[in-house]
Amino acid sequence: MKNVDKTEVQLIKELREINPGVKVIAVSGLTEKDKLVKVDKAHVDAFLTKPYTAEKLLNTVNDILSTK
């Protein structure tokens, strides 16, 4: 996610306020521990690191949609 005025965590929080059931997949080319911790605190449903395959993306989407 890119946004000039808000962080990823702020955007996810706002999405969850609008729709608490929204599913969020975070995608990043960075695998730094701090970034992962920040994303985890935002309670994302899945995290993909770049590069990823179409198969990995589809499996991830299927996984989060099949859980409640």
C-alpha atoms as a PDB file:
ATOM      1  CA  MET A   1       0.000   0.000   0.000  1.00  0.00           C
ATOM      2  CA  LYS A   2       1.143   3.469  -0.730  1.00  0.00           C
ATOM      3  CA  ASN A   3      -0.493   6.602   0.533  1.00  0.00           C
ATOM      4  CA  VAL A   4       1.055  10.017   0.935  1.00  0.00           C
ATOM      5  CA  ASP A   5      -0.701  10.933   4.166  1.00  0.00           C
ATOM      6  CA  LYS A   6      -1.236   7.659   6.013  1.00  0.00           C
ATOM      7  CA  THR A   7       0.760   4.650   7.065  1.00  0.00           C
ATOM      8  CA  GLU A   8      -0.228   1.130   6.123  1.00  0.00           C
ATOM      9  CA  VAL A   9      -1.297   0.447   9.697  1.00  0.00           C
ATOM     10  CA  GLN A  10      -3.552   3.527   9.750  1.00  0.00           C
ATOM     11  CA  LEU A  11      -5.188   2.499   6.472  1.00  0.00           C
ATOM     12  CA  ILE A  12      -5.814  -1.043   7.706  1.00  0.00           C
ATOM     13  CA  LYS A  13      -7.300   0.318  10.937  1.00  0.00           C
ATOM     14  CA  GLU A  14      -9.663   2.563   8.982  1.00  0.00           C
ATOM     15  CA  LEU A  15     -10.667  -0.310   6.700  1.00  0.00           C
ATOM     16  CA  ARG A  16     -11.473  -2.443   9.752  1.00  0.00           C
ATOM     17  CA  GLU A  17     -13.547   0.391  11.264  1.00  0.00           C
ATOM     18  CA  ILE A  18     -15.608   0.607   8.073  1.00  0.00           C
ATOM     19  CA  ASN A  19     -15.892  -3.165   7.652  1.00  0.00           C
ATOM     20  CA  PRO A  20     -14.652  -5.303  10.558  1.00  0.00           C
ATOM     21  CA  GLY A  21     -14.857  -8.438   8.407  1.00  0.00           C
ATOM     22  CA  VAL A  22     -12.600  -7.152   5.636  1.00  0.00           C
ATOM     23  CA  LYS A  23      -9.737  -9.483   4.752  1.00  0.00           C
ATOM     24  CA  VAL A  24      -6.309  -7.875   4.381  1.00  0.00           C
ATOM     25  CA  ILE A  25      -3.250  -9.291   2.649  1.00  0.00           C
ATOM     26  CA  ALA A  26      -0.116  -7.225   3.195  1.00  0.00           C
ATOM     27  CA  VAL A  27       2.502  -7.363   0.444  1.00  0.00           C
ATOM     28  CA  SER A  28       6.044  -6.063   0.764  1.00  0.00           C
ATOM     29  CA  GLY A  29       9.450  -6.435  -0.763  1.00  0.00           C
ATOM     30  CA  LEU A  30      10.888  -5.813   2.682  1.00  0.00           C
ATOM     31  CA  THR A  31      11.252  -8.592   5.206  1.00  0.00           C
ATOM     32  CA  GLU A  32      12.669  -6.512   8.020  1.00  0.00           C
ATOM     33  CA  LYS A  33      11.577  -7.697  11.451  1.00  0.00           C
ATOM     34  CA  ASP A  34      10.266  -4.254  12.447  1.00  0.00           C
ATOM     35  CA  LYS A  35       8.080  -4.080   9.333  1.00  0.00           C
ATOM     36  CA  LEU A  36       6.644  -7.523  10.038  1.00  0.00           C
ATOM     37  CA  VAL A  37       5.900  -6.617  13.653  1.00  0.00           C
ATOM     38  CA  LYS A  38       4.146  -3.407  12.594  1.00  0.00           C
ATOM     39  CA  VAL A  39       2.052  -5.273  10.044  1.00  0.00           C
ATOM     40  CA  ASP A  40       1.237  -7.998  12.576  1.00  0.00           C
ATOM     41  CA  LYS A  41      -0.023  -5.374  15.010  1.00  0.00           C
ATOM     42  CA  ALA A  42      -2.423  -4.213  12.296  1.00  0.00           C
ATOM     43  CA  HIS A  43      -3.900  -7.719  12.369  1.00  0.00           C
ATOM     44  CA  VAL A  44      -3.538  -8.542   8.697  1.00  0.00           C
ATOM     45  CA  ASP A  45      -4.879 -11.891   7.592  1.00  0.00           C
ATOM     46  CA  ALA A  46      -1.821 -12.802   5.544  1.00  0.00           C
ATOM     47  CA  PHE A  47       1.562 -11.438   4.545  1.00  0.00           C
ATOM     48  CA  LEU A  48       3.285 -12.035   1.215  1.00  0.00           C
ATOM     49  CA  THR A  49       6.860 -11.092   0.472  1.00  0.00           C
ATOM     50  CA  LYS A  50       7.869 -10.106  -3.040  1.00  0.00           C
ATOM     51  CA  PRO A  51       8.483 -11.744  -5.333  1.00  0.00           C
ATOM     52  CA  TYR A  52       5.597 -14.167  -5.104  1.00  0.00           C
ATOM     53  CA  THR A  53       3.963 -16.412  -7.661  1.00  0.00           C
ATOM     54  CA  ALA A  54       0.394 -16.275  -8.895  1.00  0.00           C
ATOM     55  CA  GLU A  55      -0.085 -19.689  -7.301  1.00  0.00           C
ATOM     56  CA  LYS A  56       1.085 -18.368  -3.910  1.00  0.00           C
ATOM     57  CA  LEU A  57      -1.273 -15.388  -4.178  1.00  0.00           C
ATOM     58  CA  LEU A  58      -4.231 -17.587  -5.130  1.00  0.00           C
ATOM     59  CA  ASN A  59      -3.477 -20.030  -2.314  1.00  0.00           C
ATOM     60  CA  THR A  60      -3.249 -17.153   0.158  1.00  0.00           C
ATOM     61  CA  VAL A  61      -6.554 -15.667  -1.000  1.00  0.00           C
ATOM     62  CA  ASN A  62      -8.220 -19.087  -0.795  1.00  0.00           C
ATOM     63  CA  ASP A  63      -6.802 -19.650   2.693  1.00  0.00           C
ATOM     64  CA  ILE A  64      -8.053 -16.373   4.153  1.00  0.00           C
ATOM     65  CA  LEU A  65     -11.450 -16.618   2.485  1.00  0.00           C
ATOM     66  CA  SER A  66     -11.985 -20.125   3.834  1.00  0.00           C
ATOM     67  CA  THR A  67     -11.342 -19.075   7.452  1.00  0.00           C
ATOM     68  CA  LYS A  68     -13.776 -17.217   9.664  1.00  0.00           C
END
